[in-house]
Amino acid sequence: MSSAHPAHPSLPRAWPGLAWLLAAALAWAVGGAAQAQPAASAWLTGFSGAAPGPAPESWHFTTLPHKNPTTFEVVRQDGKSVLKVQADDSYGNLVHPVRVALDGAASLAWRWQVERFVAGADLRSRSGDDGAAKLCVFFALPTDRLPFGERTRLALARSATGEDVPSETLCYVWDEKEAKNTVLPNAFTRRIRMWVLESGPAGTGAAGWRGERRNLLADYQRAFGDEAGGLQPDIVGVAVSADADNTAGHGLAFFGDLEMQGAPAAPQVQATLAP
């Protein structure tokens, strides 16, 4: 995993909601969207087989300029290797590129634990848009499905980075206050939808771990059905994320292995002009 912080142009002050999208694009630039197609059950490199230290190289770290970086490291806990995610007035994502078809077989499973929530976090406000544990999935919806204003903002992000920024992101969140199964737009941008899977403390140690398994097509349709018009865009990445930069707070979470099931997406077809 590279610890370098890729550079990019400064963000216009009028569009702070592009920050997350730009960070995702930076990870894309480091990791690259093109990769060999793995077996359907091995899309995501696990943490359990890694030695303590940096995350496996398939995962790529990114943050933003002038932000403290959230730390991601493999640690031993109860005899197992897991990913420790620590936010300290910081921002960061750990991204793994994939290219999976979004159909009824596409699923994502994982285990996670939150030991410390970010005090003052509030998913409904920009000043409180922080969280100790988020797991985000990127989708490649054709931009002609988006309203003009959304297309314009996305085009700016792509122009600023030179990368194909994902047009939609669904983030599963473990929040301290919001009710389970709450789904709402990100406080900065509708390109990101937040889905509260767990709410409140779950205890410490082995008893504090929760397991999840999500049908990605069903969740996508609930989160983005208002703009997708029945389309099922490819899944193009997964990110473990945590931030505490808006509240200047602190958060601590752990993730076990992430398992994505699904078929490889169809090859991208590029149009050519006849001679």
Protein backbone atom coordinates (compact mmCIF):
# COMPACT_ATOMS: atom_id res chain seq x y z
CA MET A 1 0.00 0.00 0.00
CA SER A 2 1.43 3.33 -0.96
CA SER A 3 1.59 5.89 1.82
CA ALA A 4 2.17 8.81 -0.56
CA HIS A 5 -0.56 11.39 -0.89
CA PRO A 6 -1.17 12.05 -4.60
CA ALA A 7 -1.48 15.70 -5.51
CA HIS A 8 -4.33 17.32 -7.42
CA PRO A 9 -5.56 20.84 -8.11
CA SER A 10 -7.23 22.81 -5.34
CA LEU A 11 -11.00 22.46 -5.06
CA PRO A 12 -13.26 25.39 -5.84
CA ARG A 13 -14.64 26.63 -2.54
CA ALA A 14 -18.18 26.55 -3.94
CA TRP A 15 -18.10 22.79 -4.41
CA PRO A 16 -16.83 21.13 -1.21
CA GLY A 17 -18.95 18.07 -1.95
CA LEU A 18 -16.47 17.01 -4.62
CA ALA A 19 -13.84 16.17 -2.02
CA TRP A 20 -14.91 12.58 -1.48
CA LEU A 21 -15.25 11.96 -5.20
CA LEU A 22 -11.82 13.42 -5.85
CA ALA A 23 -10.27 11.25 -3.16
CA ALA A 24 -11.86 8.19 -4.74
CA ALA A 25 -10.43 9.22 -8.09
CA LEU A 26 -6.96 9.60 -6.61
CA ALA A 27 -7.10 6.06 -5.30
CA TRP A 28 -8.25 5.00 -8.74
CA ALA A 29 -5.19 6.67 -10.24
CA VAL A 30 -2.90 4.78 -7.86
CA GLY A 31 -4.63 1.42 -8.19
CA GLY A 32 -5.76 1.54 -11.80
CA ALA A 33 -9.17 0.35 -12.94
CA ALA A 34 -7.76 -2.34 -15.18
CA GLN A 35 -6.76 -5.58 -13.51
CA ALA A 36 -6.81 -9.30 -14.17
CA GLN A 37 -10.22 -10.84 -13.57
CA PRO A 38 -10.09 -12.98 -10.42
CA ALA A 39 -12.31 -15.89 -9.49
CA ALA A 40 -15.82 -14.77 -8.60
CA SER A 41 -15.19 -15.36 -4.89
CA ALA A 42 -11.78 -13.63 -4.76
CA TRP A 43 -12.44 -10.07 -5.92
CA LEU A 44 -11.10 -8.49 -2.73
CA THR A 45 -7.75 -9.29 -1.11
CA GLY A 46 -8.27 -10.34 2.51
CA PHE A 47 -6.59 -8.98 5.62
CA SER A 48 -6.52 -12.29 7.52
CA GLY A 49 -3.52 -13.59 5.58
CA ALA A 50 -1.49 -10.40 5.95
CA ALA A 51 1.29 -9.76 8.44
CA PRO A 52 0.89 -6.84 10.86
CA GLY A 53 1.64 -3.56 9.12
CA PRO A 54 0.37 -1.95 5.90
CA ALA A 55 -2.72 -3.32 4.16
CA PRO A 56 -2.11 -5.69 1.21
CA GLU A 57 -0.92 -3.97 -1.96
CA SER A 58 -4.24 -4.47 -3.76
CA TRP A 59 -5.64 -1.84 -1.42
CA HIS A 60 -4.64 1.75 -2.12
CA PHE A 61 -4.73 4.63 0.34
CA THR A 62 -5.82 8.15 -0.48
CA THR A 63 -6.55 11.34 1.39
CA LEU A 64 -6.86 15.03 0.46
CA PRO A 65 -4.41 17.94 0.63
CA HIS A 66 -4.23 19.75 3.95
CA LYS A 67 -5.92 16.84 5.76
CA ASN A 68 -4.46 14.58 8.42
CA PRO A 69 -4.55 11.02 7.05
CA THR A 70 -6.76 8.39 8.64
CA THR A 71 -4.57 5.39 9.45
CA PHE A 72 -5.21 1.90 8.13
CA GLU A 73 -3.06 -0.97 9.36
CA VAL A 74 -3.27 -4.73 9.78
CA VAL A 75 -3.08 -5.76 13.45
CA ARG A 76 -3.49 -8.98 15.42
CA GLN A 77 -6.66 -9.23 17.49
CA ASP A 78 -7.66 -12.41 19.30
CA GLY A 79 -5.16 -14.37 17.23
CA LYS A 80 -6.44 -13.06 13.86
CA SER A 81 -5.23 -10.41 11.45
CA VAL A 82 -7.79 -7.61 10.99
CA LEU A 83 -7.74 -4.08 9.62
CA LYS A 84 -7.53 -1.32 12.24
CA VAL A 85 -9.02 2.00 11.11
CA GLN A 86 -8.21 5.03 13.26
CA ALA A 87 -9.47 8.54 12.53
CA ASP A 88 -7.94 11.42 14.48
CA ASP A 89 -9.14 14.78 13.13
CA SER A 90 -8.42 13.10 9.80
CA TYR A 91 -9.72 11.89 6.46
CA GLY A 92 -8.87 8.83 4.36
CA ASN A 93 -10.01 5.93 2.21
CA LEU A 94 -8.58 2.51 1.47
CA VAL A 95 -9.75 1.55 -2.02
CA HIS A 96 -9.79 -1.75 -3.93
CA PRO A 97 -10.70 -1.63 -7.66
CA VAL A 98 -13.00 -4.33 -9.07
CA ARG A 99 -15.18 -4.75 -12.18
CA VAL A 100 -18.24 -6.80 -11.23
CA ALA A 101 -21.63 -7.09 -12.93
CA LEU A 102 -24.48 -5.68 -10.86
CA ASP A 103 -27.03 -8.48 -10.98
CA GLY A 104 -28.87 -10.66 -8.48
CA ALA A 105 -25.72 -12.66 -7.72
CA ALA A 106 -23.63 -9.64 -6.69
CA SER A 107 -23.13 -9.57 -2.94
CA LEU A 108 -20.77 -8.16 -0.33
CA ALA A 109 -20.09 -9.70 3.09
CA TRP A 110 -17.86 -8.55 5.94
CA ARG A 111 -17.35 -8.30 9.70
CA TRP A 112 -16.72 -5.03 11.52
CA GLN A 113 -16.54 -3.47 14.95
CA VAL A 114 -16.63 0.10 16.23
CA GLU A 115 -14.82 0.74 19.51
CA ARG A 116 -15.03 4.53 19.44
CA PHE A 117 -17.59 6.67 17.62
CA VAL A 118 -16.72 10.16 16.43
CA ALA A 119 -18.23 12.58 18.98
CA GLY A 120 -20.48 15.12 17.32
CA ALA A 121 -20.82 13.19 14.05
CA ASP A 122 -24.08 13.88 12.24
CA LEU A 123 -24.78 12.37 8.82
CA ARG A 124 -27.40 15.06 8.14
CA SER A 125 -25.07 18.07 8.43
CA ARG A 126 -21.90 19.17 6.66
CA SER A 127 -20.26 20.19 9.92
CA GLY A 128 -20.86 16.71 11.33
CA ASP A 129 -20.28 14.58 8.22
CA ASP A 130 -17.82 12.18 9.87
CA GLY A 131 -17.85 8.51 10.79
CA ALA A 132 -15.69 5.88 12.43
CA ALA A 133 -16.63 3.08 10.02
CA LYS A 134 -17.89 3.23 6.44
CA LEU A 135 -17.75 0.64 3.69
CA CYS A 136 -18.42 2.18 0.28
CA VAL A 137 -19.20 0.66 -3.12
CA PHE A 138 -18.61 2.54 -6.40
CA PHE A 139 -20.95 2.23 -9.41
CA ALA A 140 -20.44 3.42 -13.00
CA LEU A 141 -23.83 4.83 -13.99
CA PRO A 142 -23.78 6.58 -17.39
CA THR A 143 -23.73 10.29 -16.66
CA ASP A 144 -26.52 11.07 -19.14
CA ARG A 145 -28.85 9.70 -16.47
CA LEU A 146 -27.92 12.53 -14.12
CA PRO A 147 -29.44 16.02 -13.86
CA PHE A 148 -27.44 18.79 -15.52
CA GLY A 149 -26.08 20.18 -12.24
CA GLU A 150 -24.90 16.76 -11.10
CA ARG A 151 -23.24 16.09 -14.46
CA THR A 152 -21.45 19.42 -14.24
CA ARG A 153 -20.04 18.72 -10.78
CA LEU A 154 -18.95 15.24 -11.80
CA ALA A 155 -17.30 16.60 -14.93
CA LEU A 156 -15.35 19.04 -12.76
CA ALA A 157 -14.09 16.20 -10.57
CA ARG A 158 -13.03 14.21 -13.61
CA SER A 159 -11.33 17.20 -15.17
CA ALA A 160 -9.47 18.05 -11.94
CA THR A 161 -8.06 14.53 -11.58
CA GLY A 162 -7.91 13.24 -15.14
CA GLU A 163 -9.61 10.09 -13.84
CA ASP A 164 -12.96 8.42 -14.44
CA VAL A 165 -14.50 9.33 -11.09
CA PRO A 166 -17.32 6.92 -10.11
CA SER A 167 -20.71 8.48 -10.77
CA GLU A 168 -22.41 6.83 -7.78
CA THR A 169 -21.19 5.69 -4.35
CA LEU A 170 -23.17 3.76 -1.75
CA CYS A 171 -21.66 3.88 1.75
CA TYR A 172 -22.71 1.42 4.44
CA VAL A 173 -22.27 3.13 7.80
CA TRP A 174 -22.13 2.12 11.46
CA ASP A 175 -23.52 5.23 13.13
CA GLU A 176 -23.96 6.08 16.79
CA LYS A 177 -27.36 7.79 16.53
CA GLU A 178 -29.21 7.21 13.25
CA ALA A 179 -31.70 4.33 13.17
CA LYS A 180 -30.83 1.10 11.36
CA ASN A 181 -31.78 1.00 7.67
CA THR A 182 -31.89 4.77 7.38
CA VAL A 183 -30.89 5.74 3.81
CA LEU A 184 -30.10 9.37 3.04
CA PRO A 185 -27.98 11.46 0.66
CA ASN A 186 -24.55 12.56 1.80
CA ALA A 187 -24.62 16.01 3.36
CA PHE A 188 -22.38 17.38 0.58
CA THR A 189 -23.43 15.54 -2.58
CA ARG A 190 -26.16 13.29 -3.95
CA ARG A 191 -23.45 11.29 -5.77
CA ILE A 192 -23.06 9.51 -2.41
CA ARG A 193 -25.87 7.80 -0.49
CA MET A 194 -25.44 6.71 3.13
CA TRP A 195 -27.05 3.50 4.43
CA VAL A 196 -27.00 2.97 8.21
CA LEU A 197 -26.56 -0.77 8.78
CA GLU A 198 -25.68 -0.68 12.49
CA SER A 199 -26.57 1.84 15.15
CA GLY A 200 -25.11 2.45 18.57
CA PRO A 201 -22.43 0.60 20.53
CA ALA A 202 -22.11 -3.17 20.32
CA GLY A 203 -19.62 -3.77 23.12
CA THR A 204 -15.90 -4.51 23.03
CA GLY A 205 -13.84 -7.59 22.32
CA ALA A 206 -15.22 -10.56 20.42
CA ALA A 207 -18.80 -9.72 21.42
CA GLY A 208 -18.58 -6.37 19.66
CA TRP A 209 -18.17 -7.77 16.13
CA ARG A 210 -21.11 -7.72 13.71
CA GLY A 211 -21.40 -9.66 10.47
CA GLU A 212 -23.10 -8.32 7.33
CA ARG A 213 -24.12 -9.77 3.97
CA ARG A 214 -25.73 -7.48 1.41
CA ASN A 215 -27.39 -8.10 -1.94
CA LEU A 216 -25.87 -5.25 -3.92
CA LEU A 217 -28.53 -5.09 -6.62
CA ALA A 218 -31.36 -4.78 -4.10
CA ASP A 219 -29.46 -2.14 -2.11
CA TYR A 220 -28.52 -0.22 -5.24
CA GLN A 221 -32.13 -0.11 -6.38
CA ARG A 222 -33.25 1.30 -3.04
CA ALA A 223 -30.45 3.85 -2.81
CA PHE A 224 -30.23 5.00 -6.46
CA GLY A 225 -33.42 3.75 -8.10
CA ASP A 226 -34.65 7.34 -8.34
CA GLU A 227 -32.04 8.14 -10.99
CA ALA A 228 -30.99 4.78 -12.47
CA GLY A 229 -34.18 4.21 -14.47
CA GLY A 230 -33.82 0.44 -14.27
CA LEU A 231 -30.16 0.36 -15.32
CA GLN A 232 -27.73 -1.91 -13.48
CA PRO A 233 -24.31 -0.21 -13.73
CA ASP A 234 -21.07 -2.10 -13.13
CA ILE A 235 -19.52 -2.19 -9.67
CA VAL A 236 -16.09 -0.59 -10.09
CA GLY A 237 -14.59 -0.37 -6.60
CA VAL A 238 -14.90 -0.84 -2.85
CA ALA A 239 -13.50 1.45 -0.14
CA VAL A 240 -13.04 1.22 3.60
CA SER A 241 -13.37 4.77 4.90
CA ALA A 242 -13.27 6.78 8.12
CA ASP A 243 -13.07 10.49 8.80
CA ALA A 244 -13.18 12.94 11.69
CA ASP A 245 -11.99 16.11 9.97
CA ASN A 246 -15.25 18.08 10.15
CA THR A 247 -15.66 17.57 13.90
CA ALA A 248 -11.95 17.41 14.81
CA GLY A 249 -12.89 14.21 16.62
CA HIS A 250 -11.59 10.67 16.98
CA GLY A 251 -12.85 7.26 15.87
CA LEU A 252 -11.66 3.67 16.07
CA ALA A 253 -12.98 0.66 14.14
CA PHE A 254 -11.88 -2.75 12.89
CA PHE A 255 -12.72 -4.72 9.75
CA GLY A 256 -12.32 -8.41 9.01
CA ASP A 257 -12.05 -9.83 5.50
CA LEU A 258 -14.43 -8.46 2.88
CA GLU A 259 -15.90 -10.99 0.46
CA MET A 260 -17.47 -9.92 -2.82
CA GLN A 261 -19.37 -12.44 -4.94
CA GLY A 262 -20.39 -11.81 -8.53
CA ALA A 263 -19.60 -12.31 -12.18
CA PRO A 264 -17.06 -10.24 -14.10
CA ALA A 265 -18.62 -7.27 -15.85
CA ALA A 266 -18.86 -7.38 -19.63
CA PRO A 267 -15.84 -5.86 -21.43
CA GLN A 268 -16.14 -2.18 -22.15
CA VAL A 269 -16.89 -1.58 -25.82
CA GLN A 270 -15.41 1.51 -27.47
CA ALA A 271 -16.97 2.89 -30.61
CA THR A 272 -14.69 3.37 -33.65
CA LEU A 273 -15.18 5.48 -36.75
CA ALA A 274 -15.42 3.74 -40.10
CA PRO A 275 -12.56 4.59 -42.49
